[in-house]
Every structure is written in structure tokens, then in C-alpha cells.
C-alpha atoms as a PDB file:
ATOM      1  CA  MET A   1       0.000   0.000   0.000  1.00  0.00           C
ATOM      2  CA  SER A   2       2.869   2.351   0.615  1.00  0.00           C
ATOM      3  CA  GLU A   3       4.244   2.007  -2.949  1.00  0.00           C
ATOM      4  CA  ARG A   4       1.469   4.028  -4.561  1.00  0.00           C
ATOM      5  CA  LYS A   5       2.630   7.207  -2.928  1.00  0.00           C
ATOM      6  CA  VAL A   6       6.264   7.083  -3.974  1.00  0.00           C
ATOM      7  CA  LEU A   7       7.722   9.449  -6.555  1.00  0.00           C
ATOM      8  CA  ASN A   8       9.669   6.855  -8.526  1.00  0.00           C
ATOM      9  CA  LYS A   9       9.001   3.249  -9.093  1.00  0.00           C
ATOM     10  CA  TYR A  10      11.477   0.499  -9.633  1.00  0.00           C
ATOM     11  CA  TYR A  11      12.042  -0.720 -13.138  1.00  0.00           C
ATOM     12  CA  PRO A  12      14.067  -3.868 -13.481  1.00  0.00           C
ATOM     13  CA  PRO A  13      17.033  -3.944 -15.838  1.00  0.00           C
ATOM     14  CA  ASP A  14      15.307  -6.313 -18.246  1.00  0.00           C
ATOM     15  CA  PHE A  15      12.125  -4.096 -18.541  1.00  0.00           C
ATOM     16  CA  ASP A  16      10.877  -3.820 -22.151  1.00  0.00           C
ATOM     17  CA  PRO A  17       7.912  -1.453 -22.634  1.00  0.00           C
ATOM     18  CA  SER A  18       7.195  -2.814 -26.132  1.00  0.00           C
ATOM     19  CA  LYS A  19       6.207  -6.112 -24.616  1.00  0.00           C
ATOM     20  CA  ILE A  20       3.284  -4.387 -22.759  1.00  0.00           C
ATOM     21  CA  PRO A  21      -0.014  -5.240 -24.544  1.00  0.00           C
ATOM     22  CA  LYS A  22      -1.942  -2.207 -25.890  1.00  0.00           C
ATOM     23  CA  LEU A  23      -5.640  -1.663 -25.243  1.00  0.00           C
ATOM     24  CA  LYS A  24      -7.507  -1.736 -28.558  1.00  0.00           C
ATOM     25  CA  LEU A  25     -10.624   0.547 -28.570  1.00  0.00           C
ATOM     26  CA  PRO A  26     -12.961   1.319 -31.497  1.00  0.00           C
ATOM     27  CA  LYS A  27     -12.291   4.612 -33.278  1.00  0.00           C
ATOM     28  CA  ASP A  28     -15.972   5.703 -33.109  1.00  0.00           C
ATOM     29  CA  ARG A  29     -16.143   5.181 -29.402  1.00  0.00           C
ATOM     30  CA  GLN A  30     -18.633   7.504 -27.618  1.00  0.00           C
ATOM     31  CA  TYR A  31     -18.040   9.375 -24.376  1.00  0.00           C
ATOM     32  CA  VAL A  32     -20.615  10.921 -22.040  1.00  0.00           C
ATOM     33  CA  VAL A  33     -19.872  14.591 -21.459  1.00  0.00           C
ATOM     34  CA  ARG A  34     -21.681  17.482 -19.777  1.00  0.00           C
ATOM     35  CA  LEU A  35     -22.279  20.467 -22.079  1.00  0.00           C
ATOM     36  CA  MET A  36     -24.563  23.414 -22.727  1.00  0.00           C
ATOM     37  CA  ALA A  37     -26.572  24.086 -25.872  1.00  0.00           C
ATOM     38  CA  PRO A  38     -24.349  26.286 -28.090  1.00  0.00           C
ATOM     39  CA  PHE A  39     -27.290  28.095 -29.778  1.00  0.00           C
ATOM     40  CA  ASN A  40     -31.073  28.434 -29.728  1.00  0.00           C
ATOM     41  CA  MET A  41     -32.858  25.575 -31.455  1.00  0.00           C
ATOM     42  CA  ARG A  42     -36.349  24.166 -31.917  1.00  0.00           C
ATOM     43  CA  CYS A  43     -37.222  20.504 -31.925  1.00  0.00           C
ATOM     44  CA  LYS A  44     -38.652  19.241 -35.214  1.00  0.00           C
ATOM     45  CA  THR A  45     -40.707  16.535 -33.500  1.00  0.00           C
ATOM     46  CA  CYS A  46     -42.652  18.469 -30.834  1.00  0.00           C
ATOM     47  CA  GLY A  47     -41.743  22.104 -31.542  1.00  0.00           C
ATOM     48  CA  GLU A  48     -40.158  22.638 -28.123  1.00  0.00           C
ATOM     49  CA  TYR A  49     -37.738  25.570 -27.897  1.00  0.00           C
ATOM     50  CA  ILE A  50     -34.294  24.796 -26.486  1.00  0.00           C
ATOM     51  CA  TYR A  51     -32.489  27.961 -25.511  1.00  0.00           C
ATOM     52  CA  LYS A  52     -28.788  28.645 -25.581  1.00  0.00           C
ATOM     53  CA  GLY A  53     -27.025  27.665 -22.366  1.00  0.00           C
ATOM     54  CA  LYS A  54     -29.318  24.788 -21.356  1.00  0.00           C
ATOM     55  CA  LYS A  55     -27.293  21.914 -19.872  1.00  0.00           C
ATOM     56  CA  PHE A  56     -27.401  18.371 -21.205  1.00  0.00           C
ATOM     57  CA  ASN A  57     -25.678  15.045 -20.587  1.00  0.00           C
ATOM     58  CA  ALA A  58     -24.525  14.478 -24.175  1.00  0.00           C
ATOM     59  CA  ARG A  59     -22.704  11.730 -25.961  1.00  0.00           C
ATOM     60  CA  LYS A  60     -19.607  12.757 -27.844  1.00  0.00           C
ATOM     61  CA  GLU A  61     -17.899  10.966 -30.736  1.00  0.00           C
ATOM     62  CA  THR A  62     -15.259  11.754 -33.338  1.00  0.00           C
ATOM     63  CA  VAL A  63     -16.525  12.201 -36.884  1.00  0.00           C
ATOM     64  CA  GLN A  64     -14.789   9.808 -39.244  1.00  0.00           C
ATOM     65  CA  ASN A  65     -13.115  11.064 -42.424  1.00  0.00           C
ATOM     66  CA  GLU A  66     -13.683  14.755 -41.577  1.00  0.00           C
ATOM     67  CA  VAL A  67     -10.686  16.847 -40.593  1.00  0.00           C
ATOM     68  CA  TYR A  68     -10.016  20.590 -40.874  1.00  0.00           C
ATOM     69  CA  LEU A  69      -6.329  21.440 -41.002  1.00  0.00           C
ATOM     70  CA  GLY A  70      -5.538  18.363 -38.930  1.00  0.00           C
ATOM     71  CA  LEU A  71      -8.199  19.220 -36.328  1.00  0.00           C
ATOM     72  CA  PRO A  72     -10.763  16.488 -35.676  1.00  0.00           C
ATOM     73  CA  ILE A  73     -14.472  17.282 -35.829  1.00  0.00           C
ATOM     74  CA  PHE A  74     -16.697  16.058 -32.987  1.00  0.00           C
ATOM     75  CA  ARG A  75     -20.380  15.166 -33.012  1.00  0.00           C
ATOM     76  CA  PHE A  76     -22.719  15.548 -30.011  1.00  0.00           C
ATOM     77  CA  TYR A  77     -25.993  13.725 -29.280  1.00  0.00           C
ATOM     78  CA  ILE A  78     -28.599  15.292 -26.965  1.00  0.00           C
ATOM     79  CA  LYS A  79     -32.273  14.575 -26.291  1.00  0.00           C
ATOM     80  CA  CYS A  80     -35.240  16.960 -26.410  1.00  0.00           C
ATOM     81  CA  THR A  81     -36.433  17.941 -22.976  1.00  0.00           C
ATOM     82  CA  ARG A  82     -40.046  17.306 -23.918  1.00  0.00           C
ATOM     83  CA  CYS A  83     -40.303  14.417 -26.351  1.00  0.00           C
ATOM     84  CA  LEU A  84     -36.820  12.877 -25.818  1.00  0.00           C
ATOM     85  CA  ALA A  85     -36.141  12.948 -29.549  1.00  0.00           C
ATOM     86  CA  GLU A  86     -32.476  12.735 -30.475  1.00  0.00           C
ATOM     87  CA  ILE A  87     -30.782  15.936 -31.688  1.00  0.00           C
ATOM     88  CA  THR A  88     -27.276  16.029 -33.157  1.00  0.00           C
ATOM     89  CA  PHE A  89     -24.865  18.836 -33.977  1.00  0.00           C
ATOM     90  CA  LYS A  90     -21.130  18.969 -34.650  1.00  0.00           C
ATOM     91  CA  THR A  91     -18.243  21.378 -34.385  1.00  0.00           C
ATOM     92  CA  ASP A  92     -17.229  23.787 -37.199  1.00  0.00           C
ATOM     93  CA  PRO A  93     -13.600  24.829 -36.627  1.00  0.00           C
ATOM     94  CA  GLU A  94     -13.511  26.679 -39.934  1.00  0.00           C
ATOM     95  CA  ASN A  95     -16.048  29.256 -38.684  1.00  0.00           C
ATOM     96  CA  THR A  96     -15.400  28.726 -34.971  1.00  0.00           C
ATOM     97  CA  ASP A  97     -19.004  27.714 -34.536  1.00  0.00           C
ATOM     98  CA  TYR A  98     -21.329  24.728 -34.373  1.00  0.00           C
ATOM     99  CA  THR A  99     -23.406  23.230 -37.196  1.00  0.00           C
ATOM    100  CA  MET A 100     -26.906  21.841 -36.743  1.00  0.00           C
ATOM    101  CA  GLU A 101     -27.083  18.334 -38.156  1.00  0.00           C
ATOM    102  CA  HIS A 102     -30.287  16.460 -37.281  1.00  0.00           C
ATOM    103  CA  GLY A 103     -33.451  16.624 -35.138  1.00  0.00           C
ATOM    104  CA  ALA A 104     -33.868  20.428 -34.762  1.00  0.00           C
ATOM    105  CA  THR A 105     -33.588  23.765 -36.541  1.00  0.00           C
ATOM    106  CA  ARG A 106     -31.354  26.624 -35.463  1.00  0.00           C
ATOM    107  CA  ASN A 107     -33.009  29.946 -34.589  1.00  0.00           C
ATOM    108  CA  PHE A 108     -31.765  33.530 -34.753  1.00  0.00           C
ATOM    109  CA  GLN A 109     -28.965  32.985 -37.234  1.00  0.00           C
ATOM    110  CA  ALA A 110     -29.677  36.017 -39.462  1.00  0.00           C
ATOM    111  CA  GLU A 111     -26.338  37.586 -38.568  1.00  0.00           C
ATOM    112  CA  LYS A 112     -24.521  34.416 -39.498  1.00  0.00           C
ATOM    113  CA  LEU A 113     -26.320  34.229 -42.838  1.00  0.00           C
ATOM    114  CA  LEU A 114     -25.447  37.869 -43.546  1.00  0.00           C
ATOM    115  CA  GLU A 115     -21.785  37.246 -42.852  1.00  0.00           C
ATOM    116  CA  GLU A 116     -21.818  34.192 -45.083  1.00  0.00           C
ATOM    117  CA  GLU A 117     -23.443  36.169 -47.908  1.00  0.00           C
ATOM    118  CA  GLU A 118     -20.845  38.938 -47.624  1.00  0.00           C
ATOM    119  CA  LYS A 119     -18.045  36.403 -47.764  1.00  0.00           C
ATOM    120  CA  ARG A 120     -19.570  34.741 -50.807  1.00  0.00           C
ATOM    121  CA  VAL A 121     -19.920  38.062 -52.682  1.00  0.00           C
ATOM    122  CA  GLN A 122     -16.368  39.042 -51.815  1.00  0.00           C
ATOM    123  CA  LYS A 123     -15.056  35.718 -53.072  1.00  0.00           C
ATOM    124  CA  GLU A 124     -16.984  35.989 -56.341  1.00  0.00           C
ATOM    125  CA  ARG A 125     -15.638  39.495 -56.900  1.00  0.00           C
ATOM    126  CA  GLU A 126     -12.090  38.382 -56.348  1.00  0.00           C
ATOM    127  CA  ASP A 127     -12.543  35.530 -58.811  1.00  0.00           C
ATOM    128  CA  GLU A 128     -13.938  37.931 -61.462  1.00  0.00           C
ATOM    129  CA  GLU A 129     -11.117  40.442 -61.012  1.00  0.00           C
ATOM    130  CA  LEU A 130      -8.586  37.682 -61.282  1.00  0.00           C
ATOM    131  CA  ASN A 131      -9.721  36.723 -64.798  1.00  0.00           C
ATOM    132  CA  ASN A 132     -11.118  40.047 -66.162  1.00  0.00           C
ATOM    133  CA  PRO A 133      -9.020  43.277 -66.068  1.00  0.00           C
ATOM    134  CA  MET A 134     -11.972  45.447 -67.228  1.00  0.00           C
ATOM    135  CA  LYS A 135     -13.965  44.237 -64.265  1.00  0.00           C
ATOM    136  CA  VAL A 136     -11.172  45.442 -62.028  1.00  0.00           C
ATOM    137  CA  LEU A 137     -11.422  48.925 -63.563  1.00  0.00           C
ATOM    138  CA  GLU A 138     -15.209  48.977 -63.151  1.00  0.00           C
ATOM    139  CA  ASN A 139     -14.975  47.947 -59.522  1.00  0.00           C
ATOM    140  CA  ARG A 140     -12.366  50.620 -58.823  1.00  0.00           C
ATOM    141  CA  THR A 141     -14.598  53.295 -60.459  1.00  0.00           C
ATOM    142  CA  LYS A 142     -17.570  52.185 -58.381  1.00  0.00           C
ATOM    143  CA  ASP A 143     -15.475  52.187 -55.254  1.00  0.00           C
ATOM    144  CA  SER A 144     -14.151  55.707 -55.940  1.00  0.00           C
ATOM    145  CA  LYS A 145     -17.659  56.998 -56.649  1.00  0.00           C
ATOM    146  CA  LEU A 146     -18.979  55.417 -53.466  1.00  0.00           C
ATOM    147  CA  GLU A 147     -16.076  56.874 -51.531  1.00  0.00           C
ATOM    148  CA  MET A 148     -16.822  60.373 -52.881  1.00  0.00           C
ATOM    149  CA  GLU A 149     -20.465  60.075 -51.874  1.00  0.00           C
ATOM    150  CA  VAL A 150     -19.402  58.995 -48.423  1.00  0.00           C
ATOM    151  CA  LEU A 151     -17.038  61.970 -48.171  1.00  0.00           C
ATOM    152  CA  GLU A 152     -19.775  64.372 -49.275  1.00  0.00           C
ATOM    153  CA  ASN A 153     -22.147  63.007 -46.669  1.00  0.00           C
ATOM    154  CA  LEU A 154     -19.410  63.288 -44.080  1.00  0.00           C
ATOM    155  CA  GLN A 155     -18.761  66.911 -45.059  1.00  0.00           C
ATOM    156  CA  GLU A 156     -22.467  67.729 -44.767  1.00  0.00           C
ATOM    157  CA  LEU A 157     -22.504  66.240 -41.316  1.00  0.00           C
ATOM    158  CA  LYS A 158     -19.458  68.297 -40.362  1.00  0.00           C
ATOM    159  CA  ASP A 159     -21.093  71.511 -41.627  1.00  0.00           C
ATOM    160  CA  LEU A 160     -24.232  70.718 -39.724  1.00  0.00           C
ATOM    161  CA  ASN A 161     -22.234  70.124 -36.573  1.00  0.00           C
ATOM    162  CA  GLN A 162     -20.407  73.417 -37.041  1.00  0.00           C
ATOM    163  CA  ARG A 163     -23.682  75.316 -37.442  1.00  0.00           C
ATOM    164  CA  GLN A 164     -25.033  73.693 -34.333  1.00  0.00           C
ATOM    165  CA  ALA A 165     -21.798  74.334 -32.489  1.00  0.00           C
ATOM    166  CA  HIS A 166     -22.516  78.099 -32.430  1.00  0.00           C
ATOM    167  CA  VAL A 167     -25.843  77.482 -30.759  1.00  0.00           C
ATOM    168  CA  ASP A 168     -25.652  77.886 -27.007  1.00  0.00           C
ATOM    169  CA  PHE A 169     -27.964  75.221 -25.690  1.00  0.00           C
ATOM    170  CA  GLU A 170     -27.507  76.436 -22.130  1.00  0.00           C
ATOM    171  CA  ALA A 171     -28.689  79.904 -23.146  1.00  0.00           C
ATOM    172  CA  MET A 172     -31.656  78.376 -24.972  1.00  0.00           C
ATOM    173  CA  LEU A 173     -32.616  76.355 -21.906  1.00  0.00           C
ATOM    174  CA  ARG A 174     -32.156  79.422 -19.701  1.00  0.00           C
ATOM    175  CA  GLN A 175     -34.359  81.524 -21.990  1.00  0.00           C
ATOM    176  CA  HIS A 176     -36.986  78.810 -22.024  1.00  0.00           C
ATOM    177  CA  ARG A 177     -36.886  78.621 -18.237  1.00  0.00           C
ATOM    178  CA  LEU A 178     -37.236  82.406 -17.920  1.00  0.00           C
ATOM    179  CA  SER A 179     -40.166  82.471 -20.341  1.00  0.00           C
ATOM    180  CA  GLU A 180     -41.861  79.708 -18.374  1.00  0.00           C
ATOM    181  CA  GLU A 181     -41.364  81.626 -15.126  1.00  0.00           C
ATOM    182  CA  GLU A 182     -42.698  84.830 -16.709  1.00  0.00           C
ATOM    183  CA  ARG A 183     -45.745  83.041 -18.048  1.00  0.00           C
ATOM    184  CA  ARG A 184     -46.345  81.445 -14.636  1.00  0.00           C
ATOM    185  CA  ARG A 185     -45.989  84.829 -12.909  1.00  0.00           C
ATOM    186  CA  GLN A 186     -48.449  86.488 -15.327  1.00  0.00           C
ATOM    187  CA  GLU A 187     -50.971  83.717 -14.762  1.00  0.00           C
ATOM    188  CA  GLN A 188     -50.596  84.124 -10.995  1.00  0.00           C
ATOM    189  CA  GLU A 189     -51.086  87.908 -11.211  1.00  0.00           C
ATOM    190  CA  GLU A 190     -54.135  87.481 -13.406  1.00  0.00           C
ATOM    191  CA  ASP A 191     -55.603  84.994 -10.937  1.00  0.00           C
ATOM    192  CA  GLU A 192     -54.963  87.429  -8.074  1.00  0.00           C
ATOM    193  CA  ARG A 193     -56.653  90.287  -9.972  1.00  0.00           C
ATOM    194  CA  GLU A 194     -59.675  88.148 -10.735  1.00  0.00           C
ATOM    195  CA  THR A 195     -59.874  87.046  -7.101  1.00  0.00           C
ATOM    196  CA  ALA A 196     -59.631  90.654  -5.867  1.00  0.00           C
ATOM    197  CA  ALA A 197     -62.331  91.755  -8.350  1.00  0.00           C
ATOM    198  CA  LEU A 198     -64.642  88.967  -7.200  1.00  0.00           C
ATOM    199  CA  LEU A 199     -64.053  89.850  -3.542  1.00  0.00           C
ATOM    200  CA  GLU A 200     -64.712  93.552  -4.219  1.00  0.00           C
ATOM    201  CA  GLU A 201     -67.903  92.741  -6.082  1.00  0.00           C
ATOM    202  CA  SER A 202     -69.132  90.464  -3.295  1.00  0.00           C
ATOM    203  CA  ARG A 203     -68.294  93.148  -0.696  1.00  0.00           C
ATOM    204  CA  LYS A 204     -70.242  95.804  -2.615  1.00  0.00           C
ATOM    205  CA  ARG A 205     -73.182  93.445  -3.009  1.00  0.00           C
ATOM    206  CA  ARG A 206     -73.120  92.712   0.726  1.00  0.00           C
ATOM    207  CA  LEU A 207     -72.979  96.434   1.559  1.00  0.00           C
ATOM    208  CA  LEU A 208     -75.934  97.100  -0.738  1.00  0.00           C
ATOM    209  CA  GLU A 209     -77.922  94.303   0.860  1.00  0.00           C
ATOM    210  CA  ASP A 210     -77.068  95.594   4.344  1.00  0.00           C
ATOM    211  CA  SER A 211     -78.076  99.166   3.416  1.00  0.00           C
ATOM    212  CA  ASP A 212     -81.360  97.919   1.931  1.00  0.00           C
ATOM    213  CA  SER A 213     -82.123  95.954   5.072  1.00  0.00           C
ATOM    214  CA  GLU A 214     -81.317  98.981   7.259  1.00  0.00           C
ATOM    215  CA  ASP A 215     -83.589 101.187   5.136  1.00  0.00           C
ATOM    216  CA  GLU A 216     -86.393  98.685   5.482  1.00  0.00           C
ATOM    217  CA  ALA A 217     -85.882  98.305   9.227  1.00  0.00           C
ATOM    218  CA  ALA A 218     -85.535 102.038  10.039  1.00  0.00           C
ATOM    219  CA  PRO A 219     -88.960 103.733  10.610  1.00  0.00           C
ATOM    220  CA  VAL A 220     -89.758 106.598   8.316  1.00  0.00           C
ATOM    221  CA  PRO A 221     -90.041 109.819  10.408  1.00  0.00           C
ATOM    222  CA  LEU A 222     -93.546 111.271  10.181  1.00  0.00           C
ATOM    223  CA  GLN A 223     -93.767 114.819   8.997  1.00  0.00           C
ATOM    224  CA  PRO A 224     -95.790 116.908  11.456  1.00  0.00           C
ATOM    225  CA  ALA A 225     -99.060 118.034   9.978  1.00  0.00           C
ATOM    226  CA  PRO A 226     -99.204 121.772   9.455  1.00  0.00           C
ATOM    227  CA  ARG A 227    -101.247 123.374  12.173  1.00  0.00           C
ATOM    228  CA  PRO A 228    -103.855 125.828  10.929  1.00  0.00           C
ATOM    229  CA  ASN A 229    -103.390 129.400  11.987  1.00  0.00           C
ATOM    230  CA  PRO A 230    -106.535 130.540  13.860  1.00  0.00           C
ATOM    231  CA  THR A 231    -106.077 134.152  12.751  1.00  0.00           C
ATOM    232  CA  ALA A 232    -105.614 133.244   9.088  1.00  0.00           C
ATOM    233  CA  ILE A 233    -109.305 133.720   8.541  1.00  0.00           C
ATOM    234  CA  LEU A 234    -108.965 137.407   9.467  1.00  0.00           C
ATOM    235  CA  ASP A 235    -106.616 137.960   6.549  1.00  0.00           C
ATOM    236  CA  GLU A 236    -108.983 136.435   4.054  1.00  0.00           C
ATOM    237  CA  ALA A 237    -111.113 138.751   2.015  1.00  0.00           C
ATOM    238  CA  PRO A 238    -114.776 138.619   2.999  1.00  0.00           C
ATOM    239  CA  LYS A 239    -116.851 136.654   0.572  1.00  0.00           C
ATOM    240  CA  PRO A 240    -119.589 138.596  -1.153  1.00  0.00           C
ATOM    241  CA  LYS A 241    -122.929 137.712   0.265  1.00  0.00           C
ATOM    242  CA  ARG A 242    -125.402 136.286  -2.117  1.00  0.00           C
ATOM    243  CA  LYS A 243    -128.537 138.250  -2.407  1.00  0.00           C
ATOM    244  CA  VAL A 244    -131.463 136.410  -0.942  1.00  0.00           C
ATOM    245  CA  GLU A 245    -134.472 136.420  -3.180  1.00  0.00           C
ATOM    246  CA  VAL A 246    -137.910 137.175  -1.848  1.00  0.00           C
ATOM    247  CA  TRP A 247    -139.273 133.779  -2.691  1.00  0.00           C
ATOM    248  CA  GLU A 248    -136.372 132.156  -0.799  1.00  0.00           C
ATOM    249  CA  GLN A 249    -137.358 134.074   2.328  1.00  0.00           C
ATOM    250  CA  SER A 250    -140.896 132.673   2.174  1.00  0.00           C
ATOM    251  CA  ILE A 251    -140.269 129.036   1.034  1.00  0.00           C
ATOM    252  CA  GLY A 252    -136.479 128.593   1.509  1.00  0.00           C
ATOM    253  CA  SER A 253    -133.861 127.454  -0.977  1.00  0.00           C
ATOM    254  CA  LEU A 254    -134.731 124.543  -3.215  1.00  0.00           C
ATOM    255  CA  GLY A 255    -132.512 121.454  -3.149  1.00  0.00           C
ATOM    256  CA  SER A 256    -130.072 122.857  -0.621  1.00  0.00           C
ATOM    257  CA  ARG A 257    -129.257 121.870   2.879  1.00  0.00           C
ATOM    258  CA  PRO A 258    -128.021 124.145   5.616  1.00  0.00           C
ATOM    259  CA  PRO A 259    -124.249 124.082   5.888  1.00  0.00           C
ATOM    260  CA  LEU A 260    -124.308 123.021   9.550  1.00  0.00           C
ATOM    261  CA  SER A 261    -127.002 120.393   9.278  1.00  0.00           C
ATOM    262  CA  GLY A 262    -124.434 117.603   9.597  1.00  0.00           C
ATOM    263  CA  LEU A 263    -123.241 118.915  12.954  1.00  0.00           C
ATOM    264  CA  VAL A 264    -126.693 118.987  14.541  1.00  0.00           C
ATOM    265  CA  VAL A 265    -127.606 115.689  16.139  1.00  0.00           C
ATOM    266  CA  VAL A 266    -130.965 115.184  17.798  1.00  0.00           C
ATOM    267  CA  LYS A 267    -130.305 113.712  21.162  1.00  0.00           C
ATOM    268  CA  LYS A 268    -132.625 110.980  22.319  1.00  0.00           C
ATOM    269  CA  ALA A 269    -134.260 111.529  25.657  1.00  0.00           C
ATOM    270  CA  LYS A 270    -133.124 109.258  28.473  1.00  0.00           C
ATOM    271  CA  ALA A 271    -134.960 108.638  31.699  1.00  0.00           C
ATOM    272  CA  ASP A 272    -132.991 109.905  34.702  1.00  0.00           C
ATOM    273  CA  PRO A 273    -133.991 107.877  37.801  1.00  0.00           C
ATOM    274  CA  ASP A 274    -132.187 110.262  40.192  1.00  0.00           C
ATOM    275  CA  ARG A 275    -134.115 113.344  39.120  1.00  0.00           C
ATOM    276  CA  SER A 276    -137.477 111.987  38.093  1.00  0.00           C
ATOM    277  CA  ASN A 277    -137.682 109.302  40.762  1.00  0.00           C
ATOM    278  CA  GLY A 278    -138.626 106.630  38.287  1.00  0.00           C
ATOM    279  CA  GLN A 279    -140.812 108.833  36.136  1.00  0.00           C
ATOM    280  CA  PRO A 280    -139.833 109.162  32.421  1.00  0.00           C
ATOM    281  CA  GLN A 281    -138.756 112.546  31.242  1.00  0.00           C
ATOM    282  CA  ALA A 282    -141.044 114.288  28.798  1.00  0.00           C
ATOM    283  CA  ALA A 283    -139.731 114.526  25.241  1.00  0.00           C
ATOM    284  CA  PRO A 284    -139.249 118.027  23.795  1.00  0.00           C
ATOM    285  CA  ALA A 285    -141.873 119.527  21.617  1.00  0.00           C
ATOM    286  CA  PRO A 286    -141.545 119.054  17.906  1.00  0.00           C
ATOM    287  CA  GLY A 287    -140.549 122.625  17.232  1.00  0.00           C
ATOM    288  CA  LYS A 288    -138.029 122.954  20.010  1.00  0.00           C
ATOM    289  CA  VAL A 289    -134.212 122.587  19.873  1.00  0.00           C
ATOM    290  CA  THR A 290    -132.246 121.335  22.811  1.00  0.00           C
ATOM    291  CA  CYS A 291    -129.547 123.325  24.508  1.00  0.00           C
ATOM    292  CA  PHE A 292    -126.863 121.105  23.077  1.00  0.00           C
ATOM    293  CA  GLN A 293    -128.038 121.793  19.554  1.00  0.00           C
ATOM    294  CA  SER A 294    -128.117 125.515  20.083  1.00  0.00           C
ATOM    295  CA  ARG A 295    -124.662 125.399  21.646  1.00  0.00           C
ATOM    296  CA  ALA A 296    -123.256 123.463  18.676  1.00  0.00           C
ATOM    297  CA  ARG A 297    -124.705 126.016  16.301  1.00  0.00           C
ATOM    298  CA  PHE A 298    -123.267 128.850  18.336  1.00  0.00           C
ATOM    299  CA  LEU A 299    -119.791 127.304  18.400  1.00  0.00           C
ATOM    300  CA  SER A 300    -119.858 126.687  14.674  1.00  0.00           C
ATOM    301  CA  TRP A 301    -120.585 130.355  13.890  1.00  0.00           C
ATOM    302  CA  PRO A 302    -117.676 131.690  11.845  1.00  0.00           C
ATOM    303  CA  LEU A 303    -115.281 134.082  13.464  1.00  0.00           C
ATOM    304  CA  GLY A 304    -115.307 137.630  12.192  1.00  0.00           C
ATOM    305  CA  GLY A 305    -118.758 137.222  10.767  1.00  0.00           C
ATOM    306  CA  GLY A 306    -120.394 139.404  13.402  1.00  0.00           C
ATOM    307  CA  SER A 307    -121.826 138.623  16.775  1.00  0.00           C
ATOM    308  CA  ALA A 308    -123.918 135.524  17.192  1.00  0.00           C
ATOM    309  CA  PRO A 309    -127.678 136.247  17.000  1.00  0.00           C
ATOM    310  CA  SER A 310    -129.653 135.952  20.101  1.00  0.00           C
ATOM    311  CA  ALA A 311    -131.924 133.425  18.485  1.00  0.00           C
ATOM    312  CA  ILE A 312    -130.905 130.802  15.896  1.00  0.00           C
ATOM    313  CA  ARG A 313    -133.564 129.961  13.404  1.00  0.00           C
ATOM    314  CA  GLU A 314    -134.205 126.340  12.489  1.00  0.00           C
ATOM    315  CA  PRO A 315    -134.582 125.804   8.774  1.00  0.00           C
ATOM    316  CA  SER A 316    -137.659 124.047   7.687  1.00  0.00           C
ATOM    317  CA  LEU A 317    -139.592 123.487   4.542  1.00  0.00           C
ATOM    318  CA  GLY A 318    -142.197 125.996   5.619  1.00  0.00           C
ATOM    319  CA  GLY A 319    -139.632 128.757   6.216  1.00  0.00           C
ATOM    320  CA  TRP A 320    -137.769 129.953   9.217  1.00  0.00           C
ATOM    321  CA  GLY A 321    -139.523 128.948  12.419  1.00  0.00           C
ATOM    322  CA  ALA A 322    -139.629 130.647  15.777  1.00  0.00           C
ATOM    323  CA  ALA A 323    -136.520 131.241  17.808  1.00  0.00           C
ATOM    324  CA  SER A 324    -135.167 128.191  19.534  1.00  0.00           C
ATOM    325  CA  GLU A 325    -135.229 128.107  23.239  1.00  0.00           C
ATOM    326  CA  PRO A 326    -133.193 125.890  25.483  1.00  0.00           C
ATOM    327  CA  HIS A 327    -134.995 122.896  26.788  1.00  0.00           C
ATOM    328  CA  ARG A 328    -135.946 123.122  30.324  1.00  0.00           C
ATOM    329  CA  THR A 329    -136.772 120.299  32.585  1.00  0.00           C
ATOM    330  CA  ASN A 330    -139.527 120.707  35.040  1.00  0.00           C
END
């Protein structure tokens, strides 16, 4: 057991390595290796997508009769993760890539196809120039023309950049910022003016309403009625007396009432129990006027019209009757 850890082993003097039998293995022997999918692919059997970088336990073998510059080409076998169909691909040392072989289709290889097409066109051009000198001249003319167009476009871009180089973007941004602030300030001032106008209008309306309510609540002072001047009648000119016709003296005026007839009220007689001791008082005679009536007529006599007559006549349809006498109670 201790011999396996030694640095050198003992070889006898008669040791012949050629006499050691060699292990004969098949050339297409397969090995199990762990690898990741080198590109995106889709299974042809079930349509499952297998993305780049997915790990598989693959079988690896050497492709027979295929060598690139002495480098062997290897083939790998993997299984679909869904349907377990076998998928194979092999190495491509010429393009430093992998080539899809069986069981799936490679996705997203547009860039690779473009590169292959460019290489093919370049190779065809080189073959044509090699055998045709006129083709070489044509290609050089096309290349020079294309180069001039590219230079013109480049010069235009340079001129455009120079024109834009004189533009001060900081100043433009500053001006834009100032204009925005000015516009904001104007809007704020306008809003403040409108608010002040609305407040002033509401205040005036409130003052008007308050003044109207005060006018309605305050009592209107009554103007004192002008008092008549008792002596004003003395200043008036005396009215001309109408001449009394003879027939009016005998029968009285037709269709006219005495001016003081509304002030004379005939007082109804009331029985006075204190004076008559239960006996009713006799009513005045039909032609008599009570003392109250004569007093009312005396008081209603106009001032300045002369002294009151000693006897006031009572108008009647038959003429002026006898003088009224105050009623006397027995």
C-alpha cells in the first residue's frame, strides 16, 4: 500500500515497454460529457424551444473522415427535454461555430447568414477580377464613386455640426426657463386680480344688501301736519254775500241743505232715575231745539262774521220757524 505514494518506481534492468499489450478501442467510441446548448434551437418533432445555455448530458464521438487542417471534428448527441427525440450537432472549426445536423432547426442565425453572404460576394468578386481586367477597372470606379459620396455626406454632417456648435444650448434652456417663469408669474397675477375683483364685487353686493335691510328696518319719520293758523281767517277777504231772493225768504232754498245740518244731532231723551224718581222725562216739543243743539250752532258760527244772534232759526220746509229756546226740565 505504501508504494502508490512514492515518486519513482522500480524498473528492473530487463524491462521492455514494447512487450506491454496495448488496449484496442474502437475509433468511433462515444463518451458521455456534460455540455450546454451552443445556440437556440427548436425541436422538429414536438416544436419545443431549447435555448442557448441549457445543460445536457450528451454523448460525444469523433466524426470519421472529416478533418479541418488536422483538427478532428466532434459530433454531439442530446435529447429533447419534452419528447426525448435525439438531436445532433457537430463542431465547425472553420467558422469557430457549431453546425446543426439532425433533429432540430437553429433559430436567430440572421447575422450568421449575412456574414456568409458577404463572404460569398467578396469571393466571387475576387474571382472575377482575377480573370477580367476590365472588371477590375469597373470595380475601382464604383469604389471611388462610393467613396466620394461617403465623403460628401461626411462633409455635410461636419457643416451641420459646425452650425449647431454656435448654438448655445444652455442659453436656450435658460431663456426657455425664464419664459416659463414669466408666463407662470403672469398667470398668478391674473388669478390674483380676478380674485380681488370677485371679492370687491361680493363686498359691494353685501354692503348694498345691508343698506337695503337697514332702510327697510328704520322707521320713516312722520312729517308733522301743518297746524292751521286761527287768525288766518282774518286775513282772508270777505266773501260777497249772495242776495237772498224774496221767494227764498218765504219758502227757503230749493234742493239745498243748511251748511251746519251735519253737525246737529238730535239727542234721544233718556230717563234719569235720580231726578225723576222713576218717572220718564217728557220729550221736547216738535218745534223745540235742545240746549246742546243751540250750543253746537253757536260754536260753529264763523269768526269775524259778526256777533252771534240771540236766536238761531231752524230751517224748515215751511220757512224759518220761531226762535229756539233751550230745553228746560220741570
